[in-house]
N, C-alpha and C. Protein backbone atom coordinates (compact mmCIF):
# COMPACT_ATOMS: atom_id res chain seq x y z
N MET A 1 1.30 -8.52 15.75
CA MET A 1 1.21 -7.87 14.45
C MET A 1 0.91 -6.39 14.62
N LEU A 2 -0.21 -6.06 15.31
CA LEU A 2 -0.56 -4.66 15.54
C LEU A 2 0.13 -4.16 16.79
N SER A 3 0.95 -3.14 16.63
CA SER A 3 1.68 -2.59 17.76
C SER A 3 2.23 -1.23 17.37
N THR A 4 2.66 -0.48 18.34
CA THR A 4 3.34 0.78 18.05
C THR A 4 4.80 0.71 18.46
N THR A 5 5.24 -0.45 18.92
CA THR A 5 6.63 -0.62 19.34
C THR A 5 7.29 -1.74 18.55
N HIS A 6 7.53 -1.50 17.29
CA HIS A 6 8.19 -2.48 16.44
C HIS A 6 9.69 -2.24 16.42
N ASP A 7 10.45 -3.31 16.39
CA ASP A 7 11.89 -3.21 16.18
C ASP A 7 12.09 -3.07 14.67
N LEU A 8 12.44 -1.87 14.23
CA LEU A 8 12.58 -1.59 12.80
C LEU A 8 14.03 -1.72 12.34
N SER A 9 14.86 -2.39 13.13
CA SER A 9 16.29 -2.48 12.80
C SER A 9 16.55 -3.27 11.53
N GLY A 10 15.57 -4.05 11.07
CA GLY A 10 15.74 -4.79 9.83
C GLY A 10 15.54 -3.93 8.58
N LEU A 11 15.01 -2.73 8.77
CA LEU A 11 14.79 -1.81 7.65
C LEU A 11 16.02 -0.92 7.46
N PRO A 12 16.20 -0.40 6.25
CA PRO A 12 17.32 0.54 6.05
C PRO A 12 17.19 1.73 7.00
N ASP A 13 18.31 2.15 7.55
CA ASP A 13 18.33 3.30 8.46
C ASP A 13 18.14 4.58 7.64
N PRO A 14 17.13 5.39 7.97
CA PRO A 14 16.86 6.58 7.18
C PRO A 14 17.96 7.65 7.27
N ASN A 15 18.81 7.57 8.29
CA ASN A 15 19.91 8.54 8.41
C ASN A 15 21.13 8.11 7.62
N ILE A 16 21.34 6.81 7.49
CA ILE A 16 22.51 6.29 6.78
C ILE A 16 22.17 5.97 5.32
N ASP A 17 21.01 5.35 5.10
CA ASP A 17 20.58 4.91 3.76
C ASP A 17 19.41 5.75 3.27
N ARG A 18 19.60 7.05 3.17
CA ARG A 18 18.52 7.95 2.77
C ARG A 18 17.95 7.65 1.40
N GLN A 19 18.74 7.08 0.52
CA GLN A 19 18.28 6.81 -0.84
C GLN A 19 17.07 5.88 -0.86
N PHE A 20 16.89 5.08 0.18
CA PHE A 20 15.74 4.18 0.23
C PHE A 20 14.43 4.92 0.50
N TYR A 21 14.50 6.12 1.05
CA TYR A 21 13.30 6.86 1.45
C TYR A 21 13.07 8.14 0.65
N GLN A 22 14.04 8.53 -0.18
CA GLN A 22 13.92 9.79 -0.91
C GLN A 22 12.77 9.74 -1.92
N GLY A 23 11.86 10.69 -1.81
CA GLY A 23 10.76 10.81 -2.76
C GLY A 23 9.65 9.80 -2.60
N VAL A 24 9.72 8.95 -1.59
CA VAL A 24 8.73 7.87 -1.44
C VAL A 24 7.30 8.39 -1.22
N PRO A 25 7.08 9.41 -0.38
CA PRO A 25 5.69 9.88 -0.22
C PRO A 25 5.05 10.33 -1.54
N PHE A 26 5.80 11.05 -2.35
CA PHE A 26 5.26 11.48 -3.65
C PHE A 26 5.04 10.27 -4.57
N LYS A 27 5.96 9.32 -4.55
CA LYS A 27 5.81 8.11 -5.36
C LYS A 27 4.59 7.31 -4.91
N ARG A 28 4.32 7.30 -3.62
CA ARG A 28 3.13 6.59 -3.13
C ARG A 28 1.86 7.24 -3.67
N LEU A 29 1.86 8.56 -3.76
CA LEU A 29 0.71 9.28 -4.31
C LEU A 29 0.50 8.92 -5.78
N ILE A 30 1.57 8.93 -6.55
CA ILE A 30 1.48 8.58 -7.97
C ILE A 30 1.02 7.12 -8.11
N ALA A 31 1.59 6.24 -7.29
CA ALA A 31 1.20 4.82 -7.32
C ALA A 31 -0.28 4.66 -7.00
N TRP A 32 -0.79 5.47 -6.05
CA TRP A 32 -2.20 5.40 -5.70
C TRP A 32 -3.07 5.73 -6.90
N PHE A 33 -2.71 6.76 -7.65
CA PHE A 33 -3.48 7.13 -8.85
C PHE A 33 -3.44 6.02 -9.90
N VAL A 34 -2.27 5.44 -10.12
CA VAL A 34 -2.15 4.33 -11.08
C VAL A 34 -3.01 3.16 -10.64
N ASP A 35 -2.94 2.81 -9.36
CA ASP A 35 -3.74 1.71 -8.83
C ASP A 35 -5.23 2.01 -8.92
N PHE A 36 -5.62 3.25 -8.66
CA PHE A 36 -7.02 3.65 -8.76
C PHE A 36 -7.55 3.40 -10.17
N ILE A 37 -6.77 3.78 -11.17
CA ILE A 37 -7.18 3.56 -12.57
C ILE A 37 -7.30 2.07 -12.86
N ILE A 38 -6.33 1.28 -12.40
CA ILE A 38 -6.36 -0.17 -12.64
C ILE A 38 -7.58 -0.80 -11.96
N ILE A 39 -7.85 -0.40 -10.72
CA ILE A 39 -8.99 -0.95 -9.98
C ILE A 39 -10.30 -0.57 -10.66
N MET A 40 -10.41 0.67 -11.12
CA MET A 40 -11.61 1.11 -11.83
C MET A 40 -11.81 0.29 -13.11
N LEU A 41 -10.72 0.05 -13.85
CA LEU A 41 -10.81 -0.74 -15.08
C LEU A 41 -11.23 -2.18 -14.78
N LEU A 42 -10.66 -2.76 -13.72
CA LEU A 42 -11.03 -4.13 -13.35
C LEU A 42 -12.50 -4.22 -12.95
N ALA A 43 -12.95 -3.27 -12.14
CA ALA A 43 -14.35 -3.27 -11.70
C ALA A 43 -15.29 -3.04 -12.89
N THR A 44 -14.90 -2.17 -13.80
CA THR A 44 -15.70 -1.93 -15.01
C THR A 44 -15.76 -3.18 -15.88
N ALA A 45 -14.64 -3.88 -15.97
CA ALA A 45 -14.63 -5.14 -16.73
C ALA A 45 -15.58 -6.16 -16.11
N LEU A 46 -15.64 -6.20 -14.80
CA LEU A 46 -16.56 -7.11 -14.13
C LEU A 46 -18.02 -6.75 -14.41
N VAL A 47 -18.30 -5.46 -14.52
CA VAL A 47 -19.66 -5.02 -14.88
C VAL A 47 -19.98 -5.50 -16.29
N LEU A 48 -19.03 -5.35 -17.20
CA LEU A 48 -19.26 -5.78 -18.58
C LEU A 48 -19.44 -7.29 -18.68
N VAL A 49 -18.63 -8.04 -17.94
CA VAL A 49 -18.73 -9.51 -17.96
C VAL A 49 -20.07 -9.97 -17.39
N SER A 50 -20.61 -9.19 -16.47
CA SER A 50 -21.90 -9.55 -15.86
C SER A 50 -23.08 -9.02 -16.69
N PHE A 51 -22.81 -8.56 -17.89
CA PHE A 51 -23.84 -8.01 -18.79
C PHE A 51 -24.58 -6.84 -18.15
N GLY A 52 -23.84 -6.04 -17.38
CA GLY A 52 -24.40 -4.83 -16.79
C GLY A 52 -25.05 -5.00 -15.44
N VAL A 53 -25.27 -6.24 -15.01
CA VAL A 53 -25.91 -6.46 -13.71
C VAL A 53 -25.03 -5.91 -12.58
N GLY A 54 -23.73 -6.01 -12.74
CA GLY A 54 -22.80 -5.52 -11.73
C GLY A 54 -22.89 -4.02 -11.50
N ALA A 55 -23.47 -3.29 -12.43
CA ALA A 55 -23.60 -1.84 -12.28
C ALA A 55 -24.50 -1.49 -11.09
N PHE A 56 -25.43 -2.37 -10.77
CA PHE A 56 -26.34 -2.12 -9.65
C PHE A 56 -25.65 -2.22 -8.29
N ILE A 57 -24.53 -2.94 -8.27
CA ILE A 57 -23.77 -3.07 -7.02
C ILE A 57 -22.34 -2.57 -7.23
N PHE A 58 -22.19 -1.57 -8.09
CA PHE A 58 -20.84 -1.10 -8.44
C PHE A 58 -20.01 -0.68 -7.23
N PRO A 59 -20.54 0.07 -6.26
CA PRO A 59 -19.70 0.42 -5.10
C PRO A 59 -19.17 -0.81 -4.37
N LEU A 60 -20.02 -1.82 -4.18
CA LEU A 60 -19.57 -3.05 -3.54
C LEU A 60 -18.54 -3.77 -4.41
N LEU A 61 -18.80 -3.81 -5.70
CA LEU A 61 -17.87 -4.43 -6.64
C LEU A 61 -16.52 -3.73 -6.61
N LEU A 62 -16.53 -2.43 -6.54
CA LEU A 62 -15.31 -1.63 -6.47
C LEU A 62 -14.56 -1.91 -5.17
N PHE A 63 -15.28 -1.99 -4.07
CA PHE A 63 -14.68 -2.28 -2.76
C PHE A 63 -13.99 -3.65 -2.77
N ILE A 64 -14.69 -4.66 -3.25
CA ILE A 64 -14.14 -6.02 -3.28
C ILE A 64 -12.96 -6.12 -4.24
N THR A 65 -13.08 -5.46 -5.40
CA THR A 65 -11.98 -5.46 -6.37
C THR A 65 -10.74 -4.82 -5.77
N ASN A 66 -10.92 -3.70 -5.07
CA ASN A 66 -9.81 -3.00 -4.43
C ASN A 66 -9.09 -3.90 -3.44
N ILE A 67 -9.84 -4.55 -2.57
CA ILE A 67 -9.23 -5.41 -1.55
C ILE A 67 -8.52 -6.60 -2.20
N ALA A 68 -9.19 -7.26 -3.14
CA ALA A 68 -8.59 -8.42 -3.80
C ALA A 68 -7.32 -8.03 -4.56
N TYR A 69 -7.38 -6.92 -5.29
CA TYR A 69 -6.22 -6.43 -6.06
C TYR A 69 -5.04 -6.16 -5.14
N ARG A 70 -5.27 -5.46 -4.04
CA ARG A 70 -4.17 -5.09 -3.14
C ARG A 70 -3.58 -6.31 -2.44
N ILE A 71 -4.42 -7.21 -1.95
CA ILE A 71 -3.89 -8.41 -1.29
C ILE A 71 -3.10 -9.25 -2.30
N PHE A 72 -3.66 -9.45 -3.48
CA PHE A 72 -2.99 -10.27 -4.50
C PHE A 72 -1.64 -9.68 -4.89
N THR A 73 -1.61 -8.39 -5.22
CA THR A 73 -0.35 -7.80 -5.70
C THR A 73 0.67 -7.64 -4.58
N LEU A 74 0.23 -7.26 -3.38
CA LEU A 74 1.17 -7.11 -2.27
C LEU A 74 1.75 -8.46 -1.83
N SER A 75 0.95 -9.51 -1.87
CA SER A 75 1.47 -10.81 -1.45
C SER A 75 2.40 -11.42 -2.49
N ARG A 76 2.24 -11.05 -3.74
CA ARG A 76 3.13 -11.57 -4.80
C ARG A 76 4.43 -10.78 -4.92
N ASN A 77 4.32 -9.44 -4.93
CA ASN A 77 5.47 -8.60 -5.23
C ASN A 77 5.86 -7.65 -4.10
N SER A 78 5.09 -7.64 -3.02
CA SER A 78 5.26 -6.66 -1.95
C SER A 78 5.07 -5.25 -2.49
N ALA A 79 4.34 -5.16 -3.59
CA ALA A 79 4.04 -3.88 -4.22
C ALA A 79 2.83 -4.06 -5.13
N THR A 80 2.02 -3.01 -5.21
CA THR A 80 0.94 -3.01 -6.18
C THR A 80 1.54 -2.68 -7.54
N LEU A 81 0.74 -2.79 -8.59
CA LEU A 81 1.27 -2.45 -9.92
C LEU A 81 1.69 -0.99 -9.99
N GLY A 82 0.92 -0.12 -9.33
CA GLY A 82 1.30 1.30 -9.28
C GLY A 82 2.64 1.50 -8.59
N MET A 83 2.88 0.76 -7.52
CA MET A 83 4.16 0.85 -6.81
C MET A 83 5.30 0.35 -7.68
N ILE A 84 5.04 -0.70 -8.44
CA ILE A 84 6.08 -1.22 -9.34
C ILE A 84 6.44 -0.18 -10.39
N VAL A 85 5.43 0.51 -10.93
CA VAL A 85 5.66 1.54 -11.94
C VAL A 85 6.58 2.64 -11.41
N VAL A 86 6.36 3.07 -10.16
CA VAL A 86 7.16 4.17 -9.60
C VAL A 86 8.41 3.69 -8.86
N GLY A 87 8.60 2.38 -8.74
CA GLY A 87 9.84 1.85 -8.19
C GLY A 87 9.90 1.78 -6.67
N ILE A 88 8.76 1.53 -6.02
CA ILE A 88 8.78 1.36 -4.56
C ILE A 88 8.15 0.02 -4.20
N GLU A 89 8.41 -0.41 -2.98
CA GLU A 89 7.78 -1.63 -2.47
C GLU A 89 7.64 -1.52 -0.96
N ILE A 90 6.74 -2.33 -0.41
CA ILE A 90 6.49 -2.35 1.03
C ILE A 90 7.36 -3.43 1.66
N ARG A 91 8.00 -3.08 2.76
CA ARG A 91 8.81 -4.05 3.51
C ARG A 91 8.32 -4.13 4.94
N ASN A 92 8.43 -5.33 5.53
CA ASN A 92 8.04 -5.50 6.93
C ASN A 92 9.16 -5.01 7.84
N ASN A 93 8.96 -5.10 9.15
CA ASN A 93 9.95 -4.56 10.09
C ASN A 93 11.29 -5.30 10.06
N HIS A 94 11.34 -6.47 9.45
CA HIS A 94 12.59 -7.21 9.31
C HIS A 94 13.30 -6.88 8.00
N GLY A 95 12.68 -6.03 7.18
CA GLY A 95 13.26 -5.67 5.90
C GLY A 95 12.90 -6.64 4.78
N ASN A 96 12.02 -7.59 5.07
CA ASN A 96 11.61 -8.59 4.08
C ASN A 96 10.35 -8.15 3.34
N LYS A 97 10.12 -8.78 2.20
CA LYS A 97 8.88 -8.54 1.48
C LYS A 97 7.72 -9.11 2.30
N LEU A 98 6.53 -8.60 2.03
CA LEU A 98 5.36 -9.00 2.81
C LEU A 98 4.95 -10.45 2.51
N THR A 99 4.54 -11.14 3.54
CA THR A 99 3.93 -12.46 3.38
C THR A 99 2.47 -12.24 3.00
N PRO A 100 1.77 -13.27 2.54
CA PRO A 100 0.34 -13.11 2.25
C PRO A 100 -0.47 -12.63 3.46
N VAL A 101 -0.15 -13.10 4.66
CA VAL A 101 -0.86 -12.66 5.85
C VAL A 101 -0.58 -11.17 6.11
N GLU A 102 0.67 -10.77 6.00
CA GLU A 102 1.02 -9.36 6.18
C GLU A 102 0.36 -8.49 5.11
N ALA A 103 0.30 -9.00 3.89
CA ALA A 103 -0.36 -8.25 2.81
C ALA A 103 -1.84 -8.05 3.12
N ALA A 104 -2.48 -9.08 3.68
CA ALA A 104 -3.90 -8.96 4.04
C ALA A 104 -4.09 -7.95 5.17
N TRP A 105 -3.23 -8.00 6.19
CA TRP A 105 -3.31 -7.02 7.28
C TRP A 105 -3.07 -5.61 6.75
N HIS A 106 -2.07 -5.46 5.90
CA HIS A 106 -1.75 -4.15 5.35
C HIS A 106 -2.94 -3.61 4.56
N THR A 107 -3.54 -4.44 3.75
CA THR A 107 -4.70 -4.04 2.97
C THR A 107 -5.87 -3.67 3.86
N GLY A 108 -6.13 -4.50 4.88
CA GLY A 108 -7.24 -4.23 5.78
C GLY A 108 -7.09 -2.92 6.53
N LEU A 109 -5.90 -2.69 7.08
CA LEU A 109 -5.69 -1.43 7.81
C LEU A 109 -5.68 -0.23 6.87
N TYR A 110 -5.06 -0.40 5.69
CA TYR A 110 -5.06 0.68 4.70
C TYR A 110 -6.51 1.05 4.34
N THR A 111 -7.34 0.05 4.13
CA THR A 111 -8.74 0.27 3.75
C THR A 111 -9.49 0.97 4.89
N ALA A 112 -9.26 0.53 6.12
CA ALA A 112 -9.92 1.17 7.27
C ALA A 112 -9.51 2.63 7.38
N VAL A 113 -8.23 2.91 7.21
CA VAL A 113 -7.74 4.29 7.28
C VAL A 113 -8.33 5.12 6.14
N ALA A 114 -8.38 4.54 4.95
CA ALA A 114 -8.90 5.26 3.78
C ALA A 114 -10.38 5.59 3.93
N LEU A 115 -11.12 4.75 4.65
CA LEU A 115 -12.55 4.98 4.84
C LEU A 115 -12.85 6.05 5.89
N LEU A 116 -11.89 6.31 6.75
CA LEU A 116 -12.08 7.31 7.80
C LEU A 116 -11.29 8.56 7.44
N PHE A 117 -11.99 9.60 7.01
CA PHE A 117 -11.35 10.80 6.48
C PHE A 117 -10.30 11.38 7.43
N PHE A 118 -10.63 11.50 8.71
CA PHE A 118 -9.71 12.07 9.68
C PHE A 118 -8.44 11.21 9.78
N ALA A 119 -8.60 9.89 9.82
CA ALA A 119 -7.45 8.98 9.87
C ALA A 119 -6.62 9.08 8.60
N LEU A 120 -7.29 9.28 7.47
CA LEU A 120 -6.56 9.43 6.20
C LEU A 120 -5.68 10.67 6.22
N ILE A 121 -6.20 11.77 6.73
CA ILE A 121 -5.43 13.01 6.83
C ILE A 121 -4.23 12.81 7.75
N ILE A 122 -4.46 12.18 8.90
CA ILE A 122 -3.36 11.89 9.83
C ILE A 122 -2.31 11.02 9.15
N SER A 123 -2.75 10.02 8.42
CA SER A 123 -1.84 9.11 7.74
C SER A 123 -0.98 9.85 6.71
N MET A 124 -1.60 10.74 5.94
CA MET A 124 -0.85 11.50 4.94
C MET A 124 0.17 12.42 5.60
N ILE A 125 -0.21 13.05 6.68
CA ILE A 125 0.73 13.92 7.40
C ILE A 125 1.89 13.09 7.96
N MET A 126 1.57 11.92 8.50
CA MET A 126 2.62 11.05 9.02
C MET A 126 3.62 10.66 7.94
N MET A 127 3.14 10.38 6.73
CA MET A 127 4.04 10.02 5.64
C MET A 127 5.02 11.14 5.31
N LEU A 128 4.59 12.37 5.51
CA LEU A 128 5.43 13.52 5.20
C LEU A 128 6.42 13.86 6.31
N VAL A 129 6.09 13.55 7.56
CA VAL A 129 6.95 13.96 8.67
C VAL A 129 7.72 12.80 9.32
N ASN A 130 7.29 11.58 9.13
CA ASN A 130 7.96 10.42 9.71
C ASN A 130 9.25 10.16 8.95
N GLU A 131 10.33 9.86 9.64
CA GLU A 131 11.62 9.66 8.97
C GLU A 131 11.62 8.48 7.99
N ARG A 132 10.73 7.52 8.19
CA ARG A 132 10.61 6.39 7.26
C ARG A 132 9.42 6.54 6.32
N GLY A 133 8.70 7.64 6.42
CA GLY A 133 7.55 7.88 5.53
C GLY A 133 6.40 6.93 5.77
N GLN A 134 6.25 6.47 7.00
CA GLN A 134 5.19 5.52 7.32
C GLN A 134 3.85 6.22 7.49
N GLY A 135 2.82 5.62 6.89
CA GLY A 135 1.46 6.07 7.12
C GLY A 135 0.95 5.44 8.40
N LEU A 136 -0.26 5.78 8.79
CA LEU A 136 -0.85 5.26 10.02
C LEU A 136 -0.89 3.74 10.02
N HIS A 137 -1.32 3.15 8.90
CA HIS A 137 -1.39 1.69 8.81
C HIS A 137 0.01 1.06 8.87
N ASP A 138 1.00 1.71 8.25
CA ASP A 138 2.38 1.21 8.31
C ASP A 138 2.91 1.25 9.73
N TYR A 139 2.60 2.34 10.42
CA TYR A 139 3.08 2.53 11.79
C TYR A 139 2.59 1.40 12.70
N PHE A 140 1.32 1.02 12.59
CA PHE A 140 0.78 -0.02 13.44
C PHE A 140 1.25 -1.42 13.05
N LEU A 141 1.66 -1.59 11.79
CA LEU A 141 2.12 -2.91 11.33
C LEU A 141 3.65 -3.06 11.36
N GLY A 142 4.35 -1.94 11.47
CA GLY A 142 5.82 -1.99 11.41
C GLY A 142 6.33 -2.14 10.00
N THR A 143 5.53 -1.71 9.02
CA THR A 143 5.94 -1.78 7.62
C THR A 143 6.30 -0.38 7.13
N THR A 144 6.94 -0.32 6.00
CA THR A 144 7.23 0.95 5.37
C THR A 144 7.44 0.74 3.88
N ALA A 145 7.26 1.81 3.13
CA ALA A 145 7.55 1.78 1.70
C ALA A 145 8.96 2.30 1.50
N ILE A 146 9.71 1.62 0.65
CA ILE A 146 11.06 2.07 0.32
C ILE A 146 11.24 2.04 -1.19
N ASN A 147 12.23 2.78 -1.65
CA ASN A 147 12.61 2.67 -3.05
C ASN A 147 13.14 1.27 -3.28
N ARG A 148 12.73 0.65 -4.36
CA ARG A 148 13.11 -0.72 -4.65
C ARG A 148 14.63 -0.81 -4.78
N PRO A 149 15.27 -1.70 -4.01
CA PRO A 149 16.72 -1.85 -4.10
C PRO A 149 17.14 -2.38 -5.47
N ASN A 150 18.27 -1.92 -5.94
CA ASN A 150 18.82 -2.42 -7.20
C ASN A 150 19.63 -3.67 -6.88
N LEU A 151 19.03 -4.81 -7.14
CA LEU A 151 19.71 -6.08 -6.87
C LEU A 151 20.36 -6.59 -8.14
N PRO A 152 21.54 -7.19 -7.98
CA PRO A 152 22.23 -7.70 -9.19
C PRO A 152 21.52 -8.88 -9.82
């Protein structure tokens, strides 16, 4: 699963099928903001349901909500709700949608990268310069975000 030598031949070729990668880094940023708002609303709802007790552990509640939200949405749609809004999805190195196990790995590595500021900066730079727009977590998993294909 974790490697830097993935056979990415199952993914669209960025030189031949550029339309799959055009604008994806910017769309990922917009999707992140949409997901952030959704996660904040979900965590706030949990505080309200707990009659305010959840406010005392809000950072933990936010962390758990984030992980659960990402694993759930990625394993169902291979995209978070923010990604669906902007028209992108995550694909594995075979070009398939993520399995629940892959979604959990993707979420775990994404979370680890997001918690380490230096790794987050490296990941953002990688998304801008990598031909497939892969972040650090994508690179180690062999996944990438692409524009959602128009299927009949």
